[in-house]
C-alpha atoms as a PDB file:
ATOM      1  CA  MET A   1      78.932-137.154 201.316  1.00  0.00           C
ATOM      2  CA  ALA A   2      77.966-140.758 202.055  1.00  0.00           C
ATOM      3  CA  ARG A   3      77.267-142.973 199.080  1.00  0.00           C
ATOM      4  CA  ASN A   4      73.664-143.634 198.171  1.00  0.00           C
ATOM      5  CA  ILE A   5      72.248-147.149 198.505  1.00  0.00           C
ATOM      6  CA  TYR A   6      69.647-148.663 196.184  1.00  0.00           C
ATOM      7  CA  GLY A   7      67.542-151.725 196.938  1.00  0.00           C
ATOM      8  CA  LEU A   8      66.359-153.678 193.868  1.00  0.00           C
ATOM      9  CA  ASP A   9      63.665-156.308 193.450  1.00  0.00           C
ATOM     10  CA  LEU A  10      63.689-157.350 189.796  1.00  0.00           C
ATOM     11  CA  GLY A  11      60.460-159.148 188.971  1.00  0.00           C
ATOM     12  CA  SER A  12      59.516-160.734 185.665  1.00  0.00           C
ATOM     13  CA  TYR A  13      57.147-157.858 184.834  1.00  0.00           C
ATOM     14  CA  GLU A  14      57.956-155.108 187.316  1.00  0.00           C
ATOM     15  CA  ILE A  15      61.054-153.546 188.859  1.00  0.00           C
ATOM     16  CA  LYS A  16      60.811-152.234 192.416  1.00  0.00           C
ATOM     17  CA  VAL A  17      63.502-149.826 193.667  1.00  0.00           C
ATOM     18  CA  TYR A  18      64.269-148.350 197.077  1.00  0.00           C
ATOM     19  CA  ASP A  19      66.335-145.124 197.062  1.00  0.00           C
ATOM     20  CA  LYS A  20      67.879-144.599 200.505  1.00  0.00           C
ATOM     21  CA  ARG A  21      68.862-140.955 199.979  1.00  0.00           C
ATOM     22  CA  LYS A  22      65.292-139.988 199.096  1.00  0.00           C
ATOM     23  CA  ASP A  23      63.782-142.692 201.330  1.00  0.00           C
ATOM     24  CA  THR A  24      61.324-143.604 198.577  1.00  0.00           C
ATOM     25  CA  ILE A  25      60.133-146.779 196.868  1.00  0.00           C
ATOM     26  CA  TRP A  26      59.094-146.665 193.240  1.00  0.00           C
ATOM     27  CA  LYS A  27      58.213-149.289 190.657  1.00  0.00           C
ATOM     28  CA  GLU A  28      58.093-149.511 186.899  1.00  0.00           C
ATOM     29  CA  LYS A  29      57.355-152.179 184.313  1.00  0.00           C
ATOM     30  CA  ASN A  30      60.261-154.447 183.396  1.00  0.00           C
ATOM     31  CA  ALA A  31      59.782-154.000 179.644  1.00  0.00           C
ATOM     32  CA  ILE A  32      61.752-152.686 176.695  1.00  0.00           C
ATOM     33  CA  ALA A  33      60.528-151.841 173.169  1.00  0.00           C
ATOM     34  CA  LEU A  34      62.913-152.571 170.281  1.00  0.00           C
ATOM     35  CA  VAL A  35      62.707-151.471 166.636  1.00  0.00           C
ATOM     36  CA  LYS A  36      63.799-154.284 164.309  1.00  0.00           C
ATOM     37  CA  GLU A  37      65.247-156.112 167.336  1.00  0.00           C
ATOM     38  CA  ARG A  38      68.132-153.645 167.620  1.00  0.00           C
ATOM     39  CA  GLU A  39      67.242-150.010 168.258  1.00  0.00           C
ATOM     40  CA  ILE A  40      65.715-149.237 171.659  1.00  0.00           C
ATOM     41  CA  PHE A  41      62.471-147.304 171.243  1.00  0.00           C
ATOM     42  CA  ALA A  42      61.072-147.133 174.785  1.00  0.00           C
ATOM     43  CA  VAL A  43      61.606-148.592 178.267  1.00  0.00           C
ATOM     44  CA  GLY A  44      59.584-149.238 181.422  1.00  0.00           C
ATOM     45  CA  ASP A  45      55.936-148.212 181.670  1.00  0.00           C
ATOM     46  CA  GLU A  46      56.111-146.514 178.273  1.00  0.00           C
ATOM     47  CA  ALA A  47      57.251-149.758 176.619  1.00  0.00           C
ATOM     48  CA  TYR A  48      54.634-151.832 178.459  1.00  0.00           C
ATOM     49  CA  GLU A  49      51.853-149.547 177.203  1.00  0.00           C
ATOM     50  CA  MET A  50      52.778-150.731 173.695  1.00  0.00           C
ATOM     51  CA  TYR A  51      52.548-154.440 174.629  1.00  0.00           C
ATOM     52  CA  GLY A  52      50.004-156.136 172.379  1.00  0.00           C
ATOM     53  CA  LYS A  53      49.416-152.895 170.434  1.00  0.00           C
ATOM     54  CA  ALA A  54      52.788-152.163 168.824  1.00  0.00           C
ATOM     55  CA  PRO A  55      53.249-152.291 165.006  1.00  0.00           C
ATOM     56  CA  SER A  56      55.009-155.325 163.529  1.00  0.00           C
ATOM     57  CA  ASN A  57      58.431-153.624 163.386  1.00  0.00           C
ATOM     58  CA  ILE A  58      58.450-152.989 167.159  1.00  0.00           C
ATOM     59  CA  GLU A  59      58.960-155.829 169.631  1.00  0.00           C
ATOM     60  CA  VAL A  60      58.097-155.394 173.303  1.00  0.00           C
ATOM     61  CA  ALA A  61      60.435-157.684 175.253  1.00  0.00           C
ATOM     62  CA  PHE A  62      60.740-158.638 178.903  1.00  0.00           C
ATOM     63  CA  PRO A  63      64.416-159.111 179.864  1.00  0.00           C
ATOM     64  CA  MET A  64      63.492-161.396 182.788  1.00  0.00           C
ATOM     65  CA  LYS A  65      62.190-164.921 182.230  1.00  0.00           C
ATOM     66  CA  GLU A  66      60.827-167.144 185.005  1.00  0.00           C
ATOM     67  CA  GLY A  67      62.591-165.175 187.713  1.00  0.00           C
ATOM     68  CA  VAL A  68      66.066-164.961 186.148  1.00  0.00           C
ATOM     69  CA  ILE A  69      67.765-162.635 183.648  1.00  0.00           C
ATOM     70  CA  SER A  70      67.318-163.958 180.103  1.00  0.00           C
ATOM     71  CA  ARG A  71      68.379-160.869 178.084  1.00  0.00           C
ATOM     72  CA  PHE A  72      71.335-159.508 180.014  1.00  0.00           C
ATOM     73  CA  ASN A  73      72.249-156.493 177.836  1.00  0.00           C
ATOM     74  CA  ASP A  74      68.619-155.372 177.534  1.00  0.00           C
ATOM     75  CA  MET A  75      68.150-155.718 181.303  1.00  0.00           C
ATOM     76  CA  GLN A  76      71.299-153.716 181.973  1.00  0.00           C
ATOM     77  CA  PHE A  77      70.255-150.895 179.634  1.00  0.00           C
ATOM     78  CA  LEU A  78      66.710-150.887 181.021  1.00  0.00           C
ATOM     79  CA  LEU A  79      67.859-150.646 184.637  1.00  0.00           C
ATOM     80  CA  GLN A  80      70.343-147.858 183.870  1.00  0.00           C
ATOM     81  CA  SER A  81      67.652-145.942 181.967  1.00  0.00           C
ATOM     82  CA  LEU A  82      65.105-146.247 184.767  1.00  0.00           C
ATOM     83  CA  LEU A  83      67.558-145.166 187.456  1.00  0.00           C
ATOM     84  CA  LYS A  84      68.402-142.025 185.450  1.00  0.00           C
ATOM     85  CA  LYS A  85      64.844-141.259 184.322  1.00  0.00           C
ATOM     86  CA  ASP A  86      63.565-138.161 186.180  1.00  0.00           C
ATOM     87  CA  ARG A  87      65.612-139.215 189.203  1.00  0.00           C
ATOM     88  CA  GLN A  88      68.879-138.000 190.728  1.00  0.00           C
ATOM     89  CA  PHE A  89      70.840-141.124 189.854  1.00  0.00           C
ATOM     90  CA  SER A  90      74.197-141.375 191.631  1.00  0.00           C
ATOM     91  CA  ARG A  91      77.149-143.382 190.376  1.00  0.00           C
ATOM     92  CA  GLY A  92      79.382-145.299 192.764  1.00  0.00           C
ATOM     93  CA  ALA A  93      76.375-146.270 194.892  1.00  0.00           C
ATOM     94  CA  GLU A  94      75.865-149.485 196.833  1.00  0.00           C
ATOM     95  CA  TYR A  95      73.156-151.981 195.843  1.00  0.00           C
ATOM     96  CA  VAL A  96      71.212-154.670 197.676  1.00  0.00           C
ATOM     97  CA  ILE A  97      69.403-156.996 195.257  1.00  0.00           C
ATOM     98  CA  ALA A  98      66.730-159.600 196.014  1.00  0.00           C
ATOM     99  CA  VAL A  99      67.340-162.831 194.109  1.00  0.00           C
ATOM    100  CA  PRO A 100      65.102-165.886 193.618  1.00  0.00           C
ATOM    101  CA  THR A 101      65.782-168.591 196.152  1.00  0.00           C
ATOM    102  CA  ASP A 102      65.761-171.789 194.113  1.00  0.00           C
ATOM    103  CA  VAL A 103      68.130-170.852 191.251  1.00  0.00           C
ATOM    104  CA  THR A 104      71.744-171.750 190.544  1.00  0.00           C
ATOM    105  CA  GLU A 105      74.692-169.753 191.875  1.00  0.00           C
ATOM    106  CA  VAL A 106      75.567-168.777 188.298  1.00  0.00           C
ATOM    107  CA  GLU A 107      72.061-167.354 187.813  1.00  0.00           C
ATOM    108  CA  LYS A 108      72.441-165.435 191.091  1.00  0.00           C
ATOM    109  CA  LYS A 109      75.760-164.057 189.888  1.00  0.00           C
ATOM    110  CA  ALA A 110      73.995-162.599 186.829  1.00  0.00           C
ATOM    111  CA  PHE A 111      72.144-160.220 189.177  1.00  0.00           C
ATOM    112  CA  PHE A 112      75.496-159.210 190.692  1.00  0.00           C
ATOM    113  CA  ASP A 113      77.111-158.701 187.252  1.00  0.00           C
ATOM    114  CA  LEU A 114      74.098-156.691 186.084  1.00  0.00           C
ATOM    115  CA  VAL A 115      75.097-153.796 188.319  1.00  0.00           C
ATOM    116  CA  ILE A 116      78.801-154.268 189.044  1.00  0.00           C
ATOM    117  CA  HIS A 117      79.741-154.218 185.323  1.00  0.00           C
ATOM    118  CA  SER A 118      77.350-151.444 184.254  1.00  0.00           C
ATOM    119  CA  ASN A 119      77.734-147.693 183.782  1.00  0.00           C
ATOM    120  CA  ALA A 120      76.410-147.346 187.320  1.00  0.00           C
ATOM    121  CA  ARG A 121      79.966-148.137 188.500  1.00  0.00           C
ATOM    122  CA  ALA A 122      78.601-149.693 191.663  1.00  0.00           C
ATOM    123  CA  LYS A 123      80.904-149.528 194.660  1.00  0.00           C
ATOM    124  CA  GLU A 124      79.417-152.587 196.295  1.00  0.00           C
ATOM    125  CA  VAL A 125      76.691-155.127 195.460  1.00  0.00           C
ATOM    126  CA  ASN A 126      75.090-157.413 198.017  1.00  0.00           C
ATOM    127  CA  ILE A 127      72.375-159.950 197.376  1.00  0.00           C
ATOM    128  CA  VAL A 128      69.661-161.327 199.655  1.00  0.00           C
ATOM    129  CA  GLU A 129      67.329-164.223 198.978  1.00  0.00           C
ATOM    130  CA  ARG A 130      63.860-162.927 198.180  1.00  0.00           C
ATOM    131  CA  ALA A 131      62.147-165.077 200.817  1.00  0.00           C
ATOM    132  CA  ILE A 132      64.337-163.518 203.520  1.00  0.00           C
ATOM    133  CA  ALA A 133      63.533-160.016 202.222  1.00  0.00           C
ATOM    134  CA  ASP A 134      59.817-160.910 202.170  1.00  0.00           C
ATOM    135  CA  ALA A 135      59.942-162.135 205.771  1.00  0.00           C
ATOM    136  CA  ILE A 136      61.670-158.924 206.908  1.00  0.00           C
ATOM    137  CA  GLY A 137      59.068-156.907 204.963  1.00  0.00           C
ATOM    138  CA  LEU A 138      56.349-158.834 206.831  1.00  0.00           C
ATOM    139  CA  ASN A 139      57.942-157.822 210.191  1.00  0.00           C
ATOM    140  CA  LEU A 140      58.633-161.473 211.012  1.00  0.00           C
ATOM    141  CA  ASP A 141      61.433-162.461 213.381  1.00  0.00           C
ATOM    142  CA  VAL A 142      63.469-164.402 210.827  1.00  0.00           C
ATOM    143  CA  GLU A 143      66.315-165.322 213.150  1.00  0.00           C
ATOM    144  CA  HIS A 144      64.190-166.776 215.928  1.00  0.00           C
ATOM    145  CA  THR A 145      61.276-168.409 214.105  1.00  0.00           C
ATOM    146  CA  ASN A 146      60.944-172.190 214.424  1.00  0.00           C
ATOM    147  CA  GLY A 147      59.247-172.499 211.062  1.00  0.00           C
ATOM    148  CA  LEU A 148      57.020-170.614 208.620  1.00  0.00           C
ATOM    149  CA  VAL A 149      56.188-170.636 204.902  1.00  0.00           C
ATOM    150  CA  ILE A 150      56.619-167.704 202.499  1.00  0.00           C
ATOM    151  CA  ALA A 151      54.743-168.048 199.187  1.00  0.00           C
ATOM    152  CA  ASN A 152      55.648-165.278 196.721  1.00  0.00           C
ATOM    153  CA  PHE A 153      53.134-165.258 193.841  1.00  0.00           C
ATOM    154  CA  GLY A 154      54.814-163.376 190.985  1.00  0.00           C
ATOM    155  CA  GLY A 155      54.290-162.708 187.298  1.00  0.00           C
ATOM    156  CA  GLU A 156      55.830-165.928 185.994  1.00  0.00           C
ATOM    157  CA  THR A 157      56.847-167.869 189.096  1.00  0.00           C
ATOM    158  CA  THR A 158      55.702-168.750 192.581  1.00  0.00           C
ATOM    159  CA  GLU A 159      58.581-168.940 195.071  1.00  0.00           C
ATOM    160  CA  LEU A 160      57.904-171.257 197.991  1.00  0.00           C
ATOM    161  CA  SER A 161      60.262-171.116 200.976  1.00  0.00           C
ATOM    162  CA  ILE A 162      60.344-172.603 204.449  1.00  0.00           C
ATOM    163  CA  LEU A 163      62.302-170.498 206.949  1.00  0.00           C
ATOM    164  CA  ALA A 164      63.513-171.593 210.376  1.00  0.00           C
ATOM    165  CA  GLY A 165      66.302-170.534 212.711  1.00  0.00           C
ATOM    166  CA  GLY A 166      67.370-167.553 210.604  1.00  0.00           C
ATOM    167  CA  GLY A 167      67.837-169.469 207.360  1.00  0.00           C
ATOM    168  CA  MET A 168      66.282-171.472 204.564  1.00  0.00           C
ATOM    169  CA  VAL A 169      65.198-175.027 205.347  1.00  0.00           C
ATOM    170  CA  MET A 170      63.637-175.877 201.979  1.00  0.00           C
ATOM    171  CA  ASN A 171      62.585-173.985 198.869  1.00  0.00           C
ATOM    172  CA  ARG A 172      61.093-174.463 195.443  1.00  0.00           C
ATOM    173  CA  LEU A 173      60.642-172.201 192.422  1.00  0.00           C
ATOM    174  CA  LEU A 174      57.353-173.118 190.739  1.00  0.00           C
ATOM    175  CA  LYS A 175      56.964-171.917 187.144  1.00  0.00           C
ATOM    176  CA  VAL A 176      53.379-170.821 187.715  1.00  0.00           C
ATOM    177  CA  GLY A 177      52.384-167.184 188.127  1.00  0.00           C
ATOM    178  CA  GLY A 178      50.093-164.450 186.869  1.00  0.00           C
ATOM    179  CA  MET A 179      51.005-165.187 183.246  1.00  0.00           C
ATOM    180  CA  ALA A 180      49.905-168.834 183.578  1.00  0.00           C
ATOM    181  CA  PHE A 181      46.522-167.647 184.875  1.00  0.00           C
ATOM    182  CA  ASP A 182      46.196-165.107 182.053  1.00  0.00           C
ATOM    183  CA  GLU A 183      47.228-167.516 179.284  1.00  0.00           C
ATOM    184  CA  GLY A 184      44.807-170.103 180.632  1.00  0.00           C
ATOM    185  CA  LEU A 185      42.019-167.523 180.416  1.00  0.00           C
ATOM    186  CA  VAL A 186      43.001-166.471 176.864  1.00  0.00           C
ATOM    187  CA  ASN A 187      42.978-170.105 175.697  1.00  0.00           C
ATOM    188  CA  LEU A 188      39.691-171.018 177.374  1.00  0.00           C
ATOM    189  CA  ILE A 189      37.875-167.965 175.978  1.00  0.00           C
ATOM    190  CA  ARG A 190      39.209-168.789 172.509  1.00  0.00           C
ATOM    191  CA  HIS A 191      38.043-172.401 172.853  1.00  0.00           C
ATOM    192  CA  ARG A 192      34.610-171.688 174.371  1.00  0.00           C
ATOM    193  CA  HIS A 193      33.646-168.536 172.494  1.00  0.00           C
ATOM    194  CA  ASP A 194      35.824-168.456 169.326  1.00  0.00           C
ATOM    195  CA  PHE A 195      36.881-165.083 170.659  1.00  0.00           C
ATOM    196  CA  LEU A 196      40.463-163.803 170.890  1.00  0.00           C
ATOM    197  CA  ILE A 197      41.555-161.462 173.657  1.00  0.00           C
ATOM    198  CA  GLY A 198      45.065-160.221 174.483  1.00  0.00           C
ATOM    199  CA  ARG A 199      47.047-161.109 177.588  1.00  0.00           C
ATOM    200  CA  ARG A 200      46.582-157.622 179.016  1.00  0.00           C
ATOM    201  CA  THR A 201      42.804-158.052 178.680  1.00  0.00           C
ATOM    202  CA  ALA A 202      43.062-161.388 180.487  1.00  0.00           C
ATOM    203  CA  GLU A 203      45.062-159.643 183.213  1.00  0.00           C
ATOM    204  CA  TYR A 204      42.278-157.056 183.483  1.00  0.00           C
ATOM    205  CA  LEU A 205      39.720-159.857 183.977  1.00  0.00           C
ATOM    206  CA  ARG A 206      41.868-161.574 186.617  1.00  0.00           C
ATOM    207  CA  LYS A 207      42.326-158.363 188.581  1.00  0.00           C
ATOM    208  CA  ASN A 208      38.740-157.134 188.314  1.00  0.00           C
ATOM    209  CA  PHE A 209      36.872-160.370 188.905  1.00  0.00           C
ATOM    210  CA  GLY A 210      36.670-161.393 192.550  1.00  0.00           C
ATOM    211  CA  VAL A 211      37.667-164.893 191.452  1.00  0.00           C
ATOM    212  CA  PHE A 212      37.252-166.305 194.971  1.00  0.00           C
ATOM    213  CA  THR A 213      34.714-163.842 196.361  1.00  0.00           C
ATOM    214  CA  SER A 214      32.295-162.618 193.652  1.00  0.00           C
ATOM    215  CA  ASP A 215      28.870-164.041 192.916  1.00  0.00           C
ATOM    216  CA  ALA A 216      28.739-166.899 190.378  1.00  0.00           C
ATOM    217  CA  GLU A 217      26.634-164.699 188.094  1.00  0.00           C
ATOM    218  CA  SER A 218      29.286-161.963 187.780  1.00  0.00           C
ATOM    219  CA  MET A 219      30.111-160.863 184.216  1.00  0.00           C
ATOM    220  CA  LEU A 220      32.567-158.392 182.652  1.00  0.00           C
ATOM    221  CA  PRO A 221      32.576-156.973 179.087  1.00  0.00           C
ATOM    222  CA  VAL A 222      35.894-157.048 177.202  1.00  0.00           C
ATOM    223  CA  ALA A 223      37.087-156.105 173.719  1.00  0.00           C
ATOM    224  CA  GLY A 224      38.568-158.707 171.375  1.00  0.00           C
ATOM    225  CA  ARG A 225      38.203-160.256 167.921  1.00  0.00           C
ATOM    226  CA  ASP A 226      35.625-162.766 166.755  1.00  0.00           C
ATOM    227  CA  LEU A 227      37.617-165.652 165.222  1.00  0.00           C
ATOM    228  CA  ILE A 228      34.798-166.708 162.899  1.00  0.00           C
ATOM    229  CA  THR A 229      34.038-163.317 161.331  1.00  0.00           C
ATOM    230  CA  GLY A 230      37.396-161.658 162.054  1.00  0.00           C
ATOM    231  CA  VAL A 231      35.526-158.579 163.293  1.00  0.00           C
ATOM    232  CA  PRO A 232      36.655-156.661 166.434  1.00  0.00           C
ATOM    233  CA  MET A 233      33.841-156.600 168.981  1.00  0.00           C
ATOM    234  CA  GLN A 234      32.910-156.778 172.652  1.00  0.00           C
ATOM    235  CA  LYS A 235      31.776-159.872 174.518  1.00  0.00           C
ATOM    236  CA  THR A 236      30.710-160.479 178.077  1.00  0.00           C
ATOM    237  CA  ILE A 237      32.815-163.020 179.987  1.00  0.00           C
ATOM    238  CA  SER A 238      31.518-164.891 183.047  1.00  0.00           C
ATOM    239  CA  ILE A 239      33.411-165.383 186.280  1.00  0.00           C
ATOM    240  CA  THR A 240      32.875-169.153 186.004  1.00  0.00           C
ATOM    241  CA  LEU A 241      35.147-169.125 182.945  1.00  0.00           C
ATOM    242  CA  ALA A 242      37.856-167.275 184.878  1.00  0.00           C
ATOM    243  CA  ARG A 243      37.552-169.762 187.738  1.00  0.00           C
ATOM    244  CA  ALA A 244      37.809-172.713 185.357  1.00  0.00           C
ATOM    245  CA  ALA A 245      40.938-171.237 183.706  1.00  0.00           C
ATOM    246  CA  MET A 246      42.691-170.678 187.041  1.00  0.00           C
ATOM    247  CA  LYS A 247      41.741-173.956 188.686  1.00  0.00           C
ATOM    248  CA  GLU A 248      44.677-176.126 187.550  1.00  0.00           C
ATOM    249  CA  PRO A 249      47.480-173.543 188.038  1.00  0.00           C
ATOM    250  CA  LEU A 250      46.161-172.844 191.542  1.00  0.00           C
ATOM    251  CA  LEU A 251      45.992-176.558 192.350  1.00  0.00           C
ATOM    252  CA  ASP A 252      49.626-176.867 191.194  1.00  0.00           C
ATOM    253  CA  CYS A 253      50.574-174.203 193.751  1.00  0.00           C
ATOM    254  CA  VAL A 254      48.584-175.880 196.526  1.00  0.00           C
ATOM    255  CA  ARG A 255      50.121-179.295 195.803  1.00  0.00           C
ATOM    256  CA  ALA A 256      53.632-177.782 195.793  1.00  0.00           C
ATOM    257  CA  ILE A 257      53.053-176.038 199.150  1.00  0.00           C
ATOM    258  CA  GLN A 258      51.700-179.233 200.693  1.00  0.00           C
ATOM    259  CA  SER A 259      54.554-181.315 199.273  1.00  0.00           C
ATOM    260  CA  LEU A 260      57.163-178.902 200.646  1.00  0.00           C
ATOM    261  CA  ILE A 261      55.594-178.923 204.118  1.00  0.00           C
ATOM    262  CA  ASP A 262      55.303-182.741 204.109  1.00  0.00           C
ATOM    263  CA  ARG A 263      59.063-183.025 203.496  1.00  0.00           C
ATOM    264  CA  THR A 264      60.113-180.786 206.389  1.00  0.00           C
ATOM    265  CA  PRO A 265      61.374-182.187 209.733  1.00  0.00           C
ATOM    266  CA  PRO A 266      58.508-182.840 212.228  1.00  0.00           C
ATOM    267  CA  GLU A 267      59.478-180.018 214.625  1.00  0.00           C
ATOM    268  CA  VAL A 268      59.543-177.471 211.779  1.00  0.00           C
ATOM    269  CA  ARG A 269      56.204-178.787 210.476  1.00  0.00           C
ATOM    270  CA  ARG A 270      54.618-178.292 213.905  1.00  0.00           C
ATOM    271  CA  ALA A 271      55.911-174.699 213.993  1.00  0.00           C
ATOM    272  CA  ILE A 272      54.504-174.039 210.508  1.00  0.00           C
ATOM    273  CA  GLN A 273      51.065-175.278 211.596  1.00  0.00           C
ATOM    274  CA  LYS A 274      51.224-172.719 214.403  1.00  0.00           C
ATOM    275  CA  ASN A 275      52.918-169.788 212.613  1.00  0.00           C
ATOM    276  CA  GLY A 276      51.240-170.267 209.243  1.00  0.00           C
ATOM    277  CA  ILE A 277      51.747-169.415 205.583  1.00  0.00           C
ATOM    278  CA  PHE A 278      52.433-165.850 204.411  1.00  0.00           C
ATOM    279  CA  LEU A 279      51.548-164.671 200.891  1.00  0.00           C
ATOM    280  CA  THR A 280      53.535-161.989 199.045  1.00  0.00           C
ATOM    281  CA  GLY A 281      54.027-160.912 195.408  1.00  0.00           C
ATOM    282  CA  GLY A 282      51.704-159.014 193.074  1.00  0.00           C
ATOM    283  CA  VAL A 283      49.319-161.924 192.403  1.00  0.00           C
ATOM    284  CA  ALA A 284      48.794-162.409 196.161  1.00  0.00           C
ATOM    285  CA  SER A 285      46.599-159.291 196.151  1.00  0.00           C
ATOM    286  CA  MET A 286      43.739-161.297 194.556  1.00  0.00           C
ATOM    287  CA  PRO A 287      40.888-161.068 197.112  1.00  0.00           C
ATOM    288  CA  GLY A 288      40.178-164.435 198.693  1.00  0.00           C
ATOM    289  CA  LEU A 289      43.431-166.150 197.694  1.00  0.00           C
ATOM    290  CA  GLU A 290      44.557-166.505 201.312  1.00  0.00           C
ATOM    291  CA  SER A 291      41.219-168.126 202.264  1.00  0.00           C
ATOM    292  CA  TYR A 292      41.563-170.542 199.349  1.00  0.00           C
ATOM    293  CA  ILE A 293      45.133-171.537 200.344  1.00  0.00           C
ATOM    294  CA  GLU A 294      44.131-171.911 204.001  1.00  0.00           C
ATOM    295  CA  GLU A 295      41.154-174.115 203.156  1.00  0.00           C
ATOM    296  CA  MET A 296      43.115-176.315 200.725  1.00  0.00           C
ATOM    297  CA  VAL A 297      46.285-176.729 202.837  1.00  0.00           C
ATOM    298  CA  GLY A 298      44.673-176.587 206.279  1.00  0.00           C
ATOM    299  CA  ILE A 299      47.162-174.095 207.748  1.00  0.00           C
ATOM    300  CA  PRO A 300      46.462-170.452 208.810  1.00  0.00           C
ATOM    301  CA  THR A 301      47.322-168.131 205.911  1.00  0.00           C
ATOM    302  CA  ARG A 302      47.860-164.371 205.831  1.00  0.00           C
ATOM    303  CA  THR A 303      48.672-161.862 203.083  1.00  0.00           C
ATOM    304  CA  ALA A 304      51.150-158.965 203.315  1.00  0.00           C
ATOM    305  CA  LEU A 305      49.568-155.498 203.558  1.00  0.00           C
ATOM    306  CA  GLU A 306      51.367-154.465 200.353  1.00  0.00           C
ATOM    307  CA  PRO A 307      52.239-157.824 198.770  1.00  0.00           C
ATOM    308  CA  ASP A 308      53.641-156.394 195.520  1.00  0.00           C
ATOM    309  CA  ILE A 309      56.344-154.352 197.304  1.00  0.00           C
ATOM    310  CA  CYS A 310      56.827-156.551 200.390  1.00  0.00           C
ATOM    311  CA  SER A 311      60.255-157.732 199.239  1.00  0.00           C
ATOM    312  CA  VAL A 312      61.609-154.238 198.561  1.00  0.00           C
ATOM    313  CA  ILE A 313      60.230-153.067 201.932  1.00  0.00           C
ATOM    314  CA  GLY A 314      62.301-155.871 203.453  1.00  0.00           C
ATOM    315  CA  ILE A 315      65.359-154.698 201.511  1.00  0.00           C
ATOM    316  CA  LYS A 316      64.750-151.177 202.813  1.00  0.00           C
ATOM    317  CA  LYS A 317      64.797-152.473 206.401  1.00  0.00           C
ATOM    318  CA  ILE A 318      67.962-154.488 205.712  1.00  0.00           C
ATOM    319  CA  ILE A 319      69.677-151.368 204.339  1.00  0.00           C
ATOM    320  CA  GLN A 320      68.600-149.269 207.328  1.00  0.00           C
ATOM    321  CA  SER A 321      69.566-151.790 210.024  1.00  0.00           C
ATOM    322  CA  LYS A 322      73.137-152.775 210.914  1.00  0.00           C
ATOM    323  CA  GLU A 323      71.768-155.876 212.633  1.00  0.00           C
ATOM    324  CA  LEU A 324      69.850-157.042 209.541  1.00  0.00           C
ATOM    325  CA  ARG A 325      72.693-156.216 207.108  1.00  0.00           C
ATOM    326  CA  LYS A 326      74.272-159.619 207.836  1.00  0.00           C
ATOM    327  CA  LEU A 327      71.325-161.292 206.018  1.00  0.00           C
ATOM    328  CA  ALA A 328      72.680-159.912 202.717  1.00  0.00           C
ATOM    329  CA  TYR A 329      75.984-161.148 201.316  1.00  0.00           C
ATOM    330  CA  SER A 330      78.463-160.183 198.646  1.00  0.00           C
ATOM    331  CA  MET A 331      79.621-162.409 195.800  1.00  0.00           C
ATOM    332  CA  LEU A 332      83.074-160.915 196.361  1.00  0.00           C
ATOM    333  CA  ASP A 333      83.326-163.016 199.502  1.00  0.00           C
ATOM    334  CA  GLU A 334      85.804-165.892 199.603  1.00  0.00           C
ATOM    335  CA  ASN A 335      83.018-168.406 198.966  1.00  0.00           C
ATOM    336  CA  TYR A 336      82.547-166.912 195.493  1.00  0.00           C
ATOM    337  CA  ARG A 337      86.208-166.519 194.489  1.00  0.00           C
ATOM    338  CA  TRP A 338      85.701-169.097 191.690  1.00  0.00           C
ATOM    339  CA  MET A 339      83.132-166.858 190.010  1.00  0.00           C
ATOM    340  CA  ARG A 340      85.239-163.719 189.602  1.00  0.00           C
END
């Protein structure tokens, strides 16, 4: 029987997996709950449900930090647990892993080591840059494009990449993502209302407000704690507060996109103005974000149909196509001999 192949997109807050044998894509939270920092209590969605609500002896940790693996052993255990959990996990499988574009080769190798040295006993591990996987997931002709921009808005980072002629022209990893928006909202509500909400509540506000599209009078009730009385209560938060909290992080993203485009060769820049900017990643699903980017940068902007799983859809296509397989590479190649 042919070996199974898994495609992995390891985000800061969510893991997306493609299982070739079952031809399915599934996702689960990239979280792990630890008792007294040692004993593993829960993983995945179950661990994330405890985030912000767990007792003091249980820590909910996220093994990824700003796009790279920060807690290697926890990440390895978490991935192995999720692959086995209610699924027909097969050892000796092949893996194709999406990696952030603008990180060091050593940080990329950590993704390779994550699987090759685990109980999964991987037969082969190939990596592909996330921007390339995103472009394939968007059905773009990566090899023949003269220039386009991929902006992947993730949980902790925004990956900006300019593709042309089948490869990467320029890229930048911006440490701004959904968490920056949520923390900005938590801090502003605390400052304006002396009212403390959790990050998950801030995430709820971000996802349920039409930050770019709703009426200026829109309000949402949320639970939190009054910092003056110390009493848990509900307060109504206005959309103007959410817009104010997100203004600076969004401007950082716009400035970074514009700066990247300004530094590209003239012929690539002309192609980008024609082909446009493409938004992927979970945060890209915010209604109106593409209109905001287009208005601020002045270049046509479109969002993937399923932005949160666009990268793993691209990995799926790479796995299924012999022609696209060459876009992924192995760190066992001669170029990486020094890392072994």
